[in-house]
Amino acid sequence: MTTLSDLAQVRRSKNAGPFWMTIDIFFENREAFDRAVASDLTKRDFLARVYFVDPDRIEVFTDQELLVVKISMPRRHVQGSFRDSDMHAGQQFVPLLDIEVDSFETEPHKSKDPRQSSSTQ
């Protein structure tokens, strides 16, 4: 089984102020990006269960040109508070690494990757 850890070229998380955090996941190619977007990674209900956050407060952005998924959500505990175990939110991407990412028959996005030249298609 392929996981997000296998497909993601760069993954990082960080503070977006003391009350919010953001997770960025970059992919090397369009196939990896499309597989990740079709997985639970972009489903707010799934993310809410993983991070114990109201799904209505989770923002998920996908950028086909940059091959990136960006997730923003409230921090479970305010930065620097007694219960905060990750002051800079630098390890918050880790629970996503084991998401299973299957192949699929049809691509969820129809636009062509502009970085591919006609000679490579």
PDB file of N, CA and C in Angstrom:
ATOM      1  N   MET A   1       0.844  -1.186   0.000  1.00  0.00           N
ATOM      2  CA  MET A   1       0.000   0.000   0.000  1.00  0.00           C
ATOM      3  C   MET A   1       0.884   1.242   0.000  1.00  0.00           C
ATOM      4  N   THR A   2       0.558   2.178  -0.853  1.00  0.00           N
ATOM      5  CA  THR A   2       1.293   3.439  -0.927  1.00  0.00           C
ATOM      6  C   THR A   2       0.712   4.411   0.095  1.00  0.00           C
ATOM      7  N   THR A   3       1.589   5.104   0.802  1.00  0.00           N
ATOM      8  CA  THR A   3       1.155   6.089   1.786  1.00  0.00           C
ATOM      9  C   THR A   3       1.536   7.491   1.331  1.00  0.00           C
ATOM     10  N   LEU A   4       0.994   8.477   2.005  1.00  0.00           N
ATOM     11  CA  LEU A   4       1.338   9.862   1.707  1.00  0.00           C
ATOM     12  C   LEU A   4       2.834  10.085   1.880  1.00  0.00           C
ATOM     13  N   SER A   5       3.435   9.443   2.842  1.00  0.00           N
ATOM     14  CA  SER A   5       4.875   9.566   3.063  1.00  0.00           C
ATOM     15  C   SER A   5       5.668   9.138   1.831  1.00  0.00           C
ATOM     16  N   ASP A   6       5.171   8.135   1.106  1.00  0.00           N
ATOM     17  CA  ASP A   6       5.836   7.669  -0.109  1.00  0.00           C
ATOM     18  C   ASP A   6       5.734   8.683  -1.242  1.00  0.00           C
ATOM     19  N   LEU A   7       4.649   9.435  -1.293  1.00  0.00           N
ATOM     20  CA  LEU A   7       4.385  10.331  -2.424  1.00  0.00           C
ATOM     21  C   LEU A   7       4.830  11.769  -2.218  1.00  0.00           C
ATOM     22  N   ALA A   8       4.825  12.235  -0.988  1.00  0.00           N
ATOM     23  CA  ALA A   8       5.094  13.651  -0.727  1.00  0.00           C
ATOM     24  C   ALA A   8       6.589  13.937  -0.778  1.00  0.00           C
ATOM     25  N   GLN A   9       6.953  14.919  -1.582  1.00  0.00           N
ATOM     26  CA  GLN A   9       8.357  15.309  -1.695  1.00  0.00           C
ATOM     27  C   GLN A   9       8.780  16.151  -0.491  1.00  0.00           C
ATOM     28  N   VAL A  10       7.927  17.095  -0.109  1.00  0.00           N
ATOM     29  CA  VAL A  10       8.188  17.965   1.043  1.00  0.00           C
ATOM     30  C   VAL A  10       6.912  18.031   1.858  1.00  0.00           C
ATOM     31  N   ARG A  11       7.035  17.883   3.156  1.00  0.00           N
ATOM     32  CA  ARG A  11       5.888  18.059   4.046  1.00  0.00           C
ATOM     33  C   ARG A  11       6.371  18.858   5.241  1.00  0.00           C
ATOM     34  N   ARG A  12       5.537  19.827   5.596  1.00  0.00           N
ATOM     35  CA  ARG A  12       5.915  20.682   6.726  1.00  0.00           C
ATOM     36  C   ARG A  12       4.662  21.248   7.370  1.00  0.00           C
ATOM     37  N   SER A  13       4.818  21.614   8.608  1.00  0.00           N
ATOM     38  CA  SER A  13       3.741  22.294   9.320  1.00  0.00           C
ATOM     39  C   SER A  13       4.361  23.416  10.125  1.00  0.00           C
ATOM     40  N   LYS A  14       3.544  24.421  10.414  1.00  0.00           N
ATOM     41  CA  LYS A  14       4.067  25.571  11.149  1.00  0.00           C
ATOM     42  C   LYS A  14       2.908  26.375  11.713  1.00  0.00           C
ATOM     43  N   ASN A  15       3.260  27.274  12.603  1.00  0.00           N
ATOM     44  CA  ASN A  15       2.272  28.180  13.176  1.00  0.00           C
ATOM     45  C   ASN A  15       1.733  29.117  12.113  1.00  0.00           C
ATOM     46  N   ALA A  16       0.503  29.471  12.289  1.00  0.00           N
ATOM     47  CA  ALA A  16      -0.112  30.557  11.517  1.00  0.00           C
ATOM     48  C   ALA A  16      -0.717  31.489  12.572  1.00  0.00           C
ATOM     49  N   GLY A  17       0.133  31.938  13.474  1.00  0.00           N
ATOM     50  CA  GLY A  17      -0.301  32.697  14.647  1.00  0.00           C
ATOM     51  C   GLY A  17      -0.428  31.753  15.826  1.00  0.00           C
ATOM     52  N   PRO A  18      -0.765  32.265  16.998  1.00  0.00           N
ATOM     53  CA  PRO A  18      -0.821  31.420  18.196  1.00  0.00           C
ATOM     54  C   PRO A  18      -2.049  30.507  18.248  1.00  0.00           C
ATOM     55  N   PHE A  19      -3.032  30.752  17.383  1.00  0.00           N
ATOM     56  CA  PHE A  19      -4.278  29.983  17.449  1.00  0.00           C
ATOM     57  C   PHE A  19      -4.482  29.055  16.262  1.00  0.00           C
ATOM     58  N   TRP A  20      -3.718  29.218  15.194  1.00  0.00           N
ATOM     59  CA  TRP A  20      -3.886  28.427  13.974  1.00  0.00           C
ATOM     60  C   TRP A  20      -2.561  27.804  13.567  1.00  0.00           C
ATOM     61  N   MET A  21      -2.664  26.738  12.784  1.00  0.00           N
ATOM     62  CA  MET A  21      -1.480  26.123  12.188  1.00  0.00           C
ATOM     63  C   MET A  21      -1.790  25.801  10.731  1.00  0.00           C
ATOM     64  N   THR A  22      -0.732  25.600   9.976  1.00  0.00           N
ATOM     65  CA  THR A  22      -0.892  25.258   8.568  1.00  0.00           C
ATOM     66  C   THR A  22       0.029  24.091   8.231  1.00  0.00           C
ATOM     67  N   ILE A  23      -0.444  23.237   7.346  1.00  0.00           N
ATOM     68  CA  ILE A  23       0.315  22.077   6.888  1.00  0.00           C
ATOM     69  C   ILE A  23       0.444  22.207   5.377  1.00  0.00           C
ATOM     70  N   ASP A  24       1.666  22.106   4.873  1.00  0.00           N
ATOM     71  CA  ASP A  24       1.931  22.183   3.432  1.00  0.00           C
ATOM     72  C   ASP A  24       2.520  20.861   2.989  1.00  0.00           C
ATOM     73  N   ILE A  25       1.981  20.314   1.908  1.00  0.00           N
ATOM     74  CA  ILE A  25       2.480  19.051   1.375  1.00  0.00           C
ATOM     75  C   ILE A  25       2.707  19.245  -0.120  1.00  0.00           C
ATOM     76  N   PHE A  26       3.969  19.109  -0.538  1.00  0.00           N
ATOM     77  CA  PHE A  26       4.363  19.322  -1.929  1.00  0.00           C
ATOM     78  C   PHE A  26       4.653  17.982  -2.596  1.00  0.00           C
ATOM     79  N   PHE A  27       4.331  17.909  -3.875  1.00  0.00           N
ATOM     80  CA  PHE A  27       4.522  16.679  -4.643  1.00  0.00           C
ATOM     81  C   PHE A  27       5.431  16.943  -5.835  1.00  0.00           C
ATOM     82  N   GLU A  28       6.173  15.913  -6.219  1.00  0.00           N
ATOM     83  CA  GLU A  28       7.135  16.053  -7.302  1.00  0.00           C
ATOM     84  C   GLU A  28       6.483  16.009  -8.675  1.00  0.00           C
ATOM     85  N   ASN A  29       5.364  15.284  -8.787  1.00  0.00           N
ATOM     86  CA  ASN A  29       4.728  15.156 -10.104  1.00  0.00           C
ATOM     87  C   ASN A  29       3.211  15.148  -9.978  1.00  0.00           C
ATOM     88  N   ARG A  30       2.560  15.289 -11.112  1.00  0.00           N
ATOM     89  CA  ARG A  30       1.103  15.408 -11.163  1.00  0.00           C
ATOM     90  C   ARG A  30       0.403  14.130 -10.693  1.00  0.00           C
ATOM     91  N   GLU A  31       0.951  12.982 -11.037  1.00  0.00           N
ATOM     92  CA  GLU A  31       0.320  11.731 -10.621  1.00  0.00           C
ATOM     93  C   GLU A  31       0.275  11.619  -9.098  1.00  0.00           C
ATOM     94  N   ALA A  32       1.370  11.925  -8.439  1.00  0.00           N
ATOM     95  CA  ALA A  32       1.408  11.865  -6.971  1.00  0.00           C
ATOM     96  C   ALA A  32       0.423  12.865  -6.375  1.00  0.00           C
ATOM     97  N   PHE A  33       0.389  14.069  -6.918  1.00  0.00           N
ATOM     98  CA  PHE A  33      -0.541  15.103  -6.446  1.00  0.00           C
ATOM     99  C   PHE A  33      -1.981  14.630  -6.595  1.00  0.00           C
ATOM    100  N   ASP A  34      -2.342  14.126  -7.771  1.00  0.00           N
ATOM    101  CA  ASP A  34      -3.714  13.675  -8.014  1.00  0.00           C
ATOM    102  C   ASP A  34      -4.108  12.529  -7.095  1.00  0.00           C
ATOM    103  N   ARG A  35      -3.193  11.620  -6.855  1.00  0.00           N
ATOM    104  CA  ARG A  35      -3.487  10.508  -5.947  1.00  0.00           C
ATOM    105  C   ARG A  35      -3.734  11.018  -4.536  1.00  0.00           C
ATOM    106  N   ALA A  36      -2.945  11.961  -4.092  1.00  0.00           N
ATOM    107  CA  ALA A  36      -3.111  12.518  -2.748  1.00  0.00           C
ATOM    108  C   ALA A  36      -4.426  13.290  -2.627  1.00  0.00           C
ATOM    109  N   VAL A  37      -4.747  14.075  -3.641  1.00  0.00           N
ATOM    110  CA  VAL A  37      -5.984  14.860  -3.612  1.00  0.00           C
ATOM    111  C   VAL A  37      -7.208  13.941  -3.584  1.00  0.00           C
ATOM    112  N   ALA A  38      -7.110  12.795  -4.222  1.00  0.00           N
ATOM    113  CA  ALA A  38      -8.225  11.839  -4.233  1.00  0.00           C
ATOM    114  C   ALA A  38      -8.330  11.049  -2.926  1.00  0.00           C
ATOM    115  N   SER A  39      -7.353  11.175  -2.054  1.00  0.00           N
ATOM    116  CA  SER A  39      -7.335  10.428  -0.790  1.00  0.00           C
ATOM    117  C   SER A  39      -8.054  11.207   0.315  1.00  0.00           C
ATOM    118  N   ASP A  40      -7.960  10.690   1.529  1.00  0.00           N
ATOM    119  CA  ASP A  40      -8.559  11.354   2.688  1.00  0.00           C
ATOM    120  C   ASP A  40      -7.877  12.674   3.037  1.00  0.00           C
ATOM    121  N   LEU A  41      -6.709  12.919   2.497  1.00  0.00           N
ATOM    122  CA  LEU A  41      -5.944  14.122   2.818  1.00  0.00           C
ATOM    123  C   LEU A  41      -6.746  15.408   2.638  1.00  0.00           C
ATOM    124  N   THR A  42      -7.626  15.452   1.669  1.00  0.00           N
ATOM    125  CA  THR A  42      -8.382  16.677   1.397  1.00  0.00           C
ATOM    126  C   THR A  42      -9.806  16.641   1.954  1.00  0.00           C
ATOM    127  N   LYS A  43     -10.113  15.628   2.738  1.00  0.00           N
ATOM    128  CA  LYS A  43     -11.461  15.507   3.313  1.00  0.00           C
ATOM    129  C   LYS A  43     -11.485  16.103   4.722  1.00  0.00           C
ATOM    130  N   ARG A  44     -12.272  17.137   4.881  1.00  0.00           N
ATOM    131  CA  ARG A  44     -12.314  17.843   6.166  1.00  0.00           C
ATOM    132  C   ARG A  44     -12.793  16.958   7.309  1.00  0.00           C
ATOM    133  N   ASP A  45     -13.732  16.057   7.053  1.00  0.00           N
ATOM    134  CA  ASP A  45     -14.211  15.170   8.122  1.00  0.00           C
ATOM    135  C   ASP A  45     -13.095  14.256   8.617  1.00  0.00           C
ATOM    136  N   PHE A  46     -12.295  13.756   7.700  1.00  0.00           N
ATOM    137  CA  PHE A  46     -11.156  12.917   8.090  1.00  0.00           C
ATOM    138  C   PHE A  46     -10.156  13.729   8.915  1.00  0.00           C
ATOM    139  N   LEU A  47      -9.794  14.900   8.429  1.00  0.00           N
ATOM    140  CA  LEU A  47      -8.842  15.758   9.136  1.00  0.00           C
ATOM    141  C   LEU A  47      -9.360  16.142  10.520  1.00  0.00           C
ATOM    142  N   ALA A  48     -10.660  16.368  10.627  1.00  0.00           N
ATOM    143  CA  ALA A  48     -11.256  16.721  11.924  1.00  0.00           C
ATOM    144  C   ALA A  48     -11.076  15.592  12.937  1.00  0.00           C
ATOM    145  N   ARG A  49     -11.215  14.352  12.484  1.00  0.00           N
ATOM    146  CA  ARG A  49     -11.023  13.205  13.383  1.00  0.00           C
ATOM    147  C   ARG A  49      -9.553  13.072  13.800  1.00  0.00           C
ATOM    148  N   VAL A  50      -8.651  13.324  12.885  1.00  0.00           N
ATOM    149  CA  VAL A  50      -7.218  13.195  13.194  1.00  0.00           C
ATOM    150  C   VAL A  50      -6.766  14.269  14.175  1.00  0.00           C
ATOM    151  N   TYR A  51      -7.241  15.502  13.962  1.00  0.00           N
ATOM    152  CA  TYR A  51      -6.737  16.639  14.743  1.00  0.00           C
ATOM    153  C   TYR A  51      -7.710  17.144  15.815  1.00  0.00           C
ATOM    154  N   PHE A  52      -8.854  16.483  15.983  1.00  0.00           N
ATOM    155  CA  PHE A  52      -9.833  16.862  17.001  1.00  0.00           C
ATOM    156  C   PHE A  52     -10.261  18.324  16.846  1.00  0.00           C
ATOM    157  N   VAL A  53     -10.614  18.677  15.612  1.00  0.00           N
ATOM    158  CA  VAL A  53     -11.014  20.047  15.271  1.00  0.00           C
ATOM    159  C   VAL A  53     -12.371  19.981  14.574  1.00  0.00           C
ATOM    160  N   ASP A  54     -13.190  20.981  14.763  1.00  0.00           N
ATOM    161  CA  ASP A  54     -14.472  21.090  14.069  1.00  0.00           C
ATOM    162  C   ASP A  54     -14.206  21.143  12.559  1.00  0.00           C
ATOM    163  N   PRO A  55     -14.803  20.248  11.757  1.00  0.00           N
ATOM    164  CA  PRO A  55     -14.534  20.235  10.319  1.00  0.00           C
ATOM    165  C   PRO A  55     -14.886  21.549   9.613  1.00  0.00           C
ATOM    166  N   ASP A  56     -15.830  22.290  10.165  1.00  0.00           N
ATOM    167  CA  ASP A  56     -16.202  23.567   9.555  1.00  0.00           C
ATOM    168  C   ASP A  56     -15.114  24.627   9.702  1.00  0.00           C
ATOM    169  N   ARG A  57     -14.149  24.374  10.574  1.00  0.00           N
ATOM    170  CA  ARG A  57     -13.076  25.341  10.799  1.00  0.00           C
ATOM    171  C   ARG A  57     -11.795  24.979  10.046  1.00  0.00           C
ATOM    172  N   ILE A  58     -11.823  23.885   9.294  1.00  0.00           N
ATOM    173  CA  ILE A  58     -10.648  23.432   8.538  1.00  0.00           C
ATOM    174  C   ILE A  58     -10.742  23.969   7.114  1.00  0.00           C
ATOM    175  N   GLU A  59      -9.632  24.530   6.653  1.00  0.00           N
ATOM    176  CA  GLU A  59      -9.530  25.033   5.277  1.00  0.00           C
ATOM    177  C   GLU A  59      -8.557  24.135   4.518  1.00  0.00           C
ATOM    178  N   VAL A  60      -8.959  23.654   3.340  1.00  0.00           N
ATOM    179  CA  VAL A  60      -8.086  22.830   2.505  1.00  0.00           C
ATOM    180  C   VAL A  60      -7.978  23.502   1.143  1.00  0.00           C
ATOM    181  N   PHE A  61      -6.738  23.741   0.730  1.00  0.00           N
ATOM    182  CA  PHE A  61      -6.469  24.373  -0.558  1.00  0.00           C
ATOM    183  C   PHE A  61      -5.595  23.429  -1.385  1.00  0.00           C
ATOM    184  N   THR A  62      -5.906  23.301  -2.655  1.00  0.00           N
ATOM    185  CA  THR A  62      -5.049  22.535  -3.567  1.00  0.00           C
ATOM    186  C   THR A  62      -4.634  23.457  -4.697  1.00  0.00           C
ATOM    187  N   ASP A  63      -3.392  23.365  -5.087  1.00  0.00           N
ATOM    188  CA  ASP A  63      -2.879  24.177  -6.190  1.00  0.00           C
ATOM    189  C   ASP A  63      -2.255  23.245  -7.216  1.00  0.00           C
ATOM    190  N   GLN A  64      -2.930  23.106  -8.341  1.00  0.00           N
ATOM    191  CA  GLN A  64      -2.486  22.195  -9.392  1.00  0.00           C
ATOM    192  C   GLN A  64      -1.195  22.659 -10.061  1.00  0.00           C
ATOM    193  N   GLU A  65      -0.972  23.946 -10.101  1.00  0.00           N
ATOM    194  CA  GLU A  65       0.243  24.470 -10.733  1.00  0.00           C
ATOM    195  C   GLU A  65       1.474  24.205  -9.863  1.00  0.00           C
ATOM    196  N   LEU A  66       1.337  24.372  -8.562  1.00  0.00           N
ATOM    197  CA  LEU A  66       2.465  24.169  -7.645  1.00  0.00           C
ATOM    198  C   LEU A  66       2.542  22.741  -7.108  1.00  0.00           C
ATOM    199  N   LEU A  67       1.502  21.943  -7.383  1.00  0.00           N
ATOM    200  CA  LEU A  67       1.417  20.567  -6.885  1.00  0.00           C
ATOM    201  C   LEU A  67       1.523  20.529  -5.368  1.00  0.00           C
ATOM    202  N   VAL A  68       0.679  21.340  -4.728  1.00  0.00           N
ATOM    203  CA  VAL A  68       0.716  21.444  -3.271  1.00  0.00           C
ATOM    204  C   VAL A  68      -0.696  21.351  -2.690  1.00  0.00           C
ATOM    205  N   VAL A  69      -0.783  20.746  -1.522  1.00  0.00           N
ATOM    206  CA  VAL A  69      -1.999  20.750  -0.712  1.00  0.00           C
ATOM    207  C   VAL A  69      -1.660  21.537   0.541  1.00  0.00           C
ATOM    208  N   LYS A  70      -2.501  22.508   0.873  1.00  0.00           N
ATOM    209  CA  LYS A  70      -2.305  23.336   2.067  1.00  0.00           C
ATOM    210  C   LYS A  70      -3.537  23.170   2.941  1.00  0.00           C
ATOM    211  N   ILE A  71      -3.297  22.884   4.208  1.00  0.00           N
ATOM    212  CA  ILE A  71      -4.376  22.685   5.170  1.00  0.00           C
ATOM    213  C   ILE A  71      -4.158  23.668   6.310  1.00  0.00           C
ATOM    214  N   SER A  72      -5.186  24.437   6.629  1.00  0.00           N
ATOM    215  CA  SER A  72      -5.122  25.373   7.758  1.00  0.00           C
ATOM    216  C   SER A  72      -6.241  25.042   8.726  1.00  0.00           C
ATOM    217  N   MET A  73      -5.913  25.105  10.008  1.00  0.00           N
ATOM    218  CA  MET A  73      -6.915  24.781  11.032  1.00  0.00           C
ATOM    219  C   MET A  73      -6.502  25.391  12.364  1.00  0.00           C
ATOM    220  N   PRO A  74      -7.457  25.498  13.271  1.00  0.00           N
ATOM    221  CA  PRO A  74      -7.104  25.981  14.606  1.00  0.00           C
ATOM    222  C   PRO A  74      -6.208  24.971  15.309  1.00  0.00           C
ATOM    223  N   ARG A  75      -5.299  25.477  16.097  1.00  0.00           N
ATOM    224  CA  ARG A  75      -4.481  24.599  16.937  1.00  0.00           C
ATOM    225  C   ARG A  75      -5.360  24.017  18.031  1.00  0.00           C
ATOM    226  N   ARG A  76      -5.075  22.810  18.438  1.00  0.00           N
ATOM    227  CA  ARG A  76      -5.836  22.175  19.523  1.00  0.00           C
ATOM    228  C   ARG A  76      -5.630  22.925  20.837  1.00  0.00           C
ATOM    229  N   HIS A  77      -4.404  23.394  21.057  1.00  0.00           N
ATOM    230  CA  HIS A  77      -4.070  24.176  22.246  1.00  0.00           C
ATOM    231  C   HIS A  77      -3.345  25.438  21.792  1.00  0.00           C
ATOM    232  N   VAL A  78      -3.597  26.526  22.443  1.00  0.00           N
ATOM    233  CA  VAL A  78      -2.961  27.794  22.100  1.00  0.00           C
ATOM    234  C   VAL A  78      -1.439  27.643  22.222  1.00  0.00           C
ATOM    235  N   GLN A  79      -0.731  28.224  21.264  1.00  0.00           N
ATOM    236  CA  GLN A  79       0.728  28.147  21.270  1.00  0.00           C
ATOM    237  C   GLN A  79       1.290  28.652  22.602  1.00  0.00           C
ATOM    238  N   GLY A  80       2.172  27.845  23.172  1.00  0.00           N
ATOM    239  CA  GLY A  80       2.832  28.225  24.411  1.00  0.00           C
ATOM    240  C   GLY A  80       2.042  27.937  25.672  1.00  0.00           C
ATOM    241  N   SER A  81       0.819  27.456  25.529  1.00  0.00           N
ATOM    242  CA  SER A  81       0.030  27.144  26.725  1.00  0.00           C
ATOM    243  C   SER A  81       0.580  25.876  27.383  1.00  0.00           C
ATOM    244  N   PHE A  82       0.153  25.617  28.586  1.00  0.00           N
ATOM    245  CA  PHE A  82       0.635  24.482  29.367  1.00  0.00           C
ATOM    246  C   PHE A  82       0.476  23.159  28.608  1.00  0.00           C
ATOM    247  N   ARG A  83      -0.613  22.983  27.884  1.00  0.00           N
ATOM    248  CA  ARG A  83      -0.891  21.730  27.186  1.00  0.00           C
ATOM    249  C   ARG A  83      -0.286  21.662  25.782  1.00  0.00           C
ATOM    250  N   ASP A  84       0.319  22.715  25.316  1.00  0.00           N
ATOM    251  CA  ASP A  84       0.913  22.741  23.983  1.00  0.00           C
ATOM    252  C   ASP A  84       2.199  21.918  23.980  1.00  0.00           C
ATOM    253  N   SER A  85       2.225  20.849  23.192  1.00  0.00           N
ATOM    254  CA  SER A  85       3.407  19.979  23.148  1.00  0.00           C
ATOM    255  C   SER A  85       4.276  20.218  21.914  1.00  0.00           C
ATOM    256  N   ASP A  86       3.881  21.156  21.064  1.00  0.00           N
ATOM    257  CA  ASP A  86       4.642  21.447  19.842  1.00  0.00           C
ATOM    258  C   ASP A  86       4.581  22.957  19.606  1.00  0.00           C
ATOM    259  N   MET A  87       5.424  23.677  20.305  1.00  0.00           N
ATOM    260  CA  MET A  87       5.394  25.145  20.339  1.00  0.00           C
ATOM    261  C   MET A  87       5.306  25.799  18.961  1.00  0.00           C
ATOM    262  N   HIS A  88       6.009  25.249  17.974  1.00  0.00           N
ATOM    263  CA  HIS A  88       6.036  25.865  16.645  1.00  0.00           C
ATOM    264  C   HIS A  88       5.191  25.102  15.627  1.00  0.00           C
ATOM    265  N   ALA A  89       4.460  24.097  16.080  1.00  0.00           N
ATOM    266  CA  ALA A  89       3.604  23.260  15.222  1.00  0.00           C
ATOM    267  C   ALA A  89       4.409  22.553  14.136  1.00  0.00           C
ATOM    268  N   GLY A  90       5.692  22.389  14.359  1.00  0.00           N
ATOM    269  CA  GLY A  90       6.576  21.813  13.357  1.00  0.00           C
ATOM    270  C   GLY A  90       6.421  20.322  13.131  1.00  0.00           C
ATOM    271  N   GLN A  91       5.733  19.625  14.014  1.00  0.00           N
ATOM    272  CA  GLN A  91       5.554  18.177  13.863  1.00  0.00           C
ATOM    273  C   GLN A  91       4.100  17.786  13.582  1.00  0.00           C
ATOM    274  N   GLN A  92       3.259  18.744  13.311  1.00  0.00           N
ATOM    275  CA  GLN A  92       1.830  18.457  13.161  1.00  0.00           C
ATOM    276  C   GLN A  92       1.468  17.739  11.863  1.00  0.00           C
ATOM    277  N   PHE A  93       2.370  17.688  10.899  1.00  0.00           N
ATOM    278  CA  PHE A  93       2.109  16.953   9.656  1.00  0.00           C
ATOM    279  C   PHE A  93       2.239  15.446   9.840  1.00  0.00           C
ATOM    280  N   VAL A  94       2.932  15.003  10.874  1.00  0.00           N
ATOM    281  CA  VAL A  94       3.286  13.586  11.050  1.00  0.00           C
ATOM    282  C   VAL A  94       2.078  12.649  11.033  1.00  0.00           C
ATOM    283  N   PRO A  95       0.946  12.952  11.683  1.00  0.00           N
ATOM    284  CA  PRO A  95      -0.182  12.012  11.647  1.00  0.00           C
ATOM    285  C   PRO A  95      -0.725  11.743  10.246  1.00  0.00           C
ATOM    286  N   LEU A  96      -0.400  12.590   9.286  1.00  0.00           N
ATOM    287  CA  LEU A  96      -0.905  12.399   7.921  1.00  0.00           C
ATOM    288  C   LEU A  96      -0.034  11.470   7.089  1.00  0.00           C
ATOM    289  N   LEU A  97       1.166  11.202   7.513  1.00  0.00           N
ATOM    290  CA  LEU A  97       2.114  10.458   6.683  1.00  0.00           C
ATOM    291  C   LEU A  97       1.669   9.034   6.362  1.00  0.00           C
ATOM    292  N   ASP A  98       0.872   8.429   7.218  1.00  0.00           N
ATOM    293  CA  ASP A  98       0.448   7.052   6.992  1.00  0.00           C
ATOM    294  C   ASP A  98      -0.885   6.927   6.272  1.00  0.00           C
ATOM    295  N   ILE A  99      -1.422   8.024   5.757  1.00  0.00           N
ATOM    296  CA  ILE A  99      -2.668   7.949   4.983  1.00  0.00           C
ATOM    297  C   ILE A  99      -2.429   7.065   3.767  1.00  0.00           C
ATOM    298  N   GLU A 100      -3.305   6.117   3.549  1.00  0.00           N
ATOM    299  CA  GLU A 100      -3.189   5.244   2.381  1.00  0.00           C
ATOM    300  C   GLU A 100      -3.663   5.995   1.145  1.00  0.00           C
ATOM    301  N   VAL A 101      -2.844   5.933   0.109  1.00  0.00           N
ATOM    302  CA  VAL A 101      -3.133   6.648  -1.137  1.00  0.00           C
ATOM    303  C   VAL A 101      -3.133   5.613  -2.252  1.00  0.00           C
ATOM    304  N   ASP A 102      -4.323   5.235  -2.689  1.00  0.00           N
ATOM    305  CA  ASP A 102      -4.442   4.232  -3.752  1.00  0.00           C
ATOM    306  C   ASP A 102      -4.364   4.890  -5.115  1.00  0.00           C
ATOM    307  N   SER A 103      -4.097   4.079  -6.110  1.00  0.00           N
ATOM    308  CA  SER A 103      -4.188   4.569  -7.483  1.00  0.00           C
ATOM    309  C   SER A 103      -5.673   4.660  -7.841  1.00  0.00           C
ATOM    310  N   PHE A 104      -5.968   5.366  -8.883  1.00  0.00           N
ATOM    311  CA  PHE A 104      -7.355   5.509  -9.304  1.00  0.00           C
ATOM    312  C   PHE A 104      -7.416   5.460 -10.810  1.00  0.00           C
ATOM    313  N   GLU A 105      -8.593   5.192 -11.354  1.00  0.00           N
ATOM    314  CA  GLU A 105      -8.757   4.995 -12.797  1.00  0.00           C
ATOM    315  C   GLU A 105      -8.846   6.301 -13.567  1.00  0.00           C
ATOM    316  N   THR A 106      -9.534   7.287 -13.013  1.00  0.00           N
ATOM    317  CA  THR A 106      -9.695   8.553 -13.721  1.00  0.00           C
ATOM    318  C   THR A 106      -9.103   9.668 -12.891  1.00  0.00           C
ATOM    319  N   GLU A 107      -8.496  10.629 -13.541  1.00  0.00           N
ATOM    320  CA  GLU A 107      -7.875  11.736 -12.829  1.00  0.00           C
ATOM    321  C   GLU A 107      -8.939  12.701 -12.325  1.00  0.00           C
ATOM    322  N   PRO A 108      -8.828  13.175 -11.077  1.00  0.00           N
ATOM    323  CA  PRO A 108      -9.817  14.099 -10.555  1.00  0.00           C
ATOM    324  C   PRO A 108      -9.699  15.499 -11.138  1.00  0.00           C
ATOM    325  N   HIS A 109      -8.546  15.841 -11.691  1.00  0.00           N
ATOM    326  CA  HIS A 109      -8.347  17.157 -12.303  1.00  0.00           C
ATOM    327  C   HIS A 109      -8.126  16.961 -13.786  1.00  0.00           C
ATOM    328  N   LYS A 110      -8.738  17.788 -14.616  1.00  0.00           N
ATOM    329  CA  LYS A 110      -8.655  17.631 -16.061  1.00  0.00           C
ATOM    330  C   LYS A 110      -7.556  18.462 -16.702  1.00  0.00           C
ATOM    331  N   SER A 111      -7.077  19.494 -16.035  1.00  0.00           N
ATOM    332  CA  SER A 111      -6.088  20.359 -16.672  1.00  0.00           C
ATOM    333  C   SER A 111      -4.740  19.661 -16.778  1.00  0.00           C
ATOM    334  N   LYS A 112      -4.005  20.020 -17.802  1.00  0.00           N
ATOM    335  CA  LYS A 112      -2.702  19.433 -18.081  1.00  0.00           C
ATOM    336  C   LYS A 112      -1.620  20.146 -17.277  1.00  0.00           C
ATOM    337  N   ASP A 113      -0.620  19.405 -16.830  1.00  0.00           N
ATOM    338  CA  ASP A 113       0.501  19.997 -16.110  1.00  0.00           C
ATOM    339  C   ASP A 113       1.334  20.804 -17.104  1.00  0.00           C
ATOM    340  N   PRO A 114       1.413  22.138 -16.954  1.00  0.00           N
ATOM    341  CA  PRO A 114       2.118  22.964 -17.935  1.00  0.00           C
ATOM    342  C   PRO A 114       3.625  22.734 -17.948  1.00  0.00           C
ATOM    343  N   ARG A 115       4.162  22.084 -16.934  1.00  0.00           N
ATOM    344  CA  ARG A 115       5.605  21.844 -16.898  1.00  0.00           C
ATOM    345  C   ARG A 115       6.035  20.687 -17.763  1.00  0.00           C
ATOM    346  N   GLN A 116       5.082  19.874 -18.228  1.00  0.00           N
ATOM    347  CA  GLN A 116       5.429  18.766 -19.095  1.00  0.00           C
ATOM    348  C   GLN A 116       5.484  19.252 -20.532  1.00  0.00           C
ATOM    349  N   SER A 117       6.568  18.980 -21.195  1.00  0.00           N
ATOM    350  CA  SER A 117       6.675  19.377 -22.606  1.00  0.00           C
ATOM    351  C   SER A 117       5.979  18.353 -23.456  1.00  0.00           C
ATOM    352  N   SER A 118       5.654  18.702 -24.668  1.00  0.00           N
ATOM    353  CA  SER A 118       4.953  17.773 -25.558  1.00  0.00           C
ATOM    354  C   SER A 118       5.816  16.564 -25.895  1.00  0.00           C
ATOM    355  N   SER A 119       7.145  16.662 -25.778  1.00  0.00           N
ATOM    356  CA  SER A 119       8.021  15.540 -26.081  1.00  0.00           C
ATOM    357  C   SER A 119       7.998  14.465 -24.994  1.00  0.00           C
ATOM    358  N   THR A 120       7.518  14.801 -23.795  1.00  0.00           N
ATOM    359  CA  THR A 120       7.480  13.812 -22.711  1.00  0.00           C
ATOM    360  C   THR A 120       6.119  13.155 -22.578  1.00  0.00           C
ATOM    361  N   GLN A 121       5.185  13.513 -23.415  1.00  0.00           N
ATOM    362  CA  GLN A 121       3.836  12.938 -23.294  1.00  0.00           C
ATOM    363  C   GLN A 121       3.640  11.800 -24.245  1.00  0.00           C
TER     364      GLN A 121
END
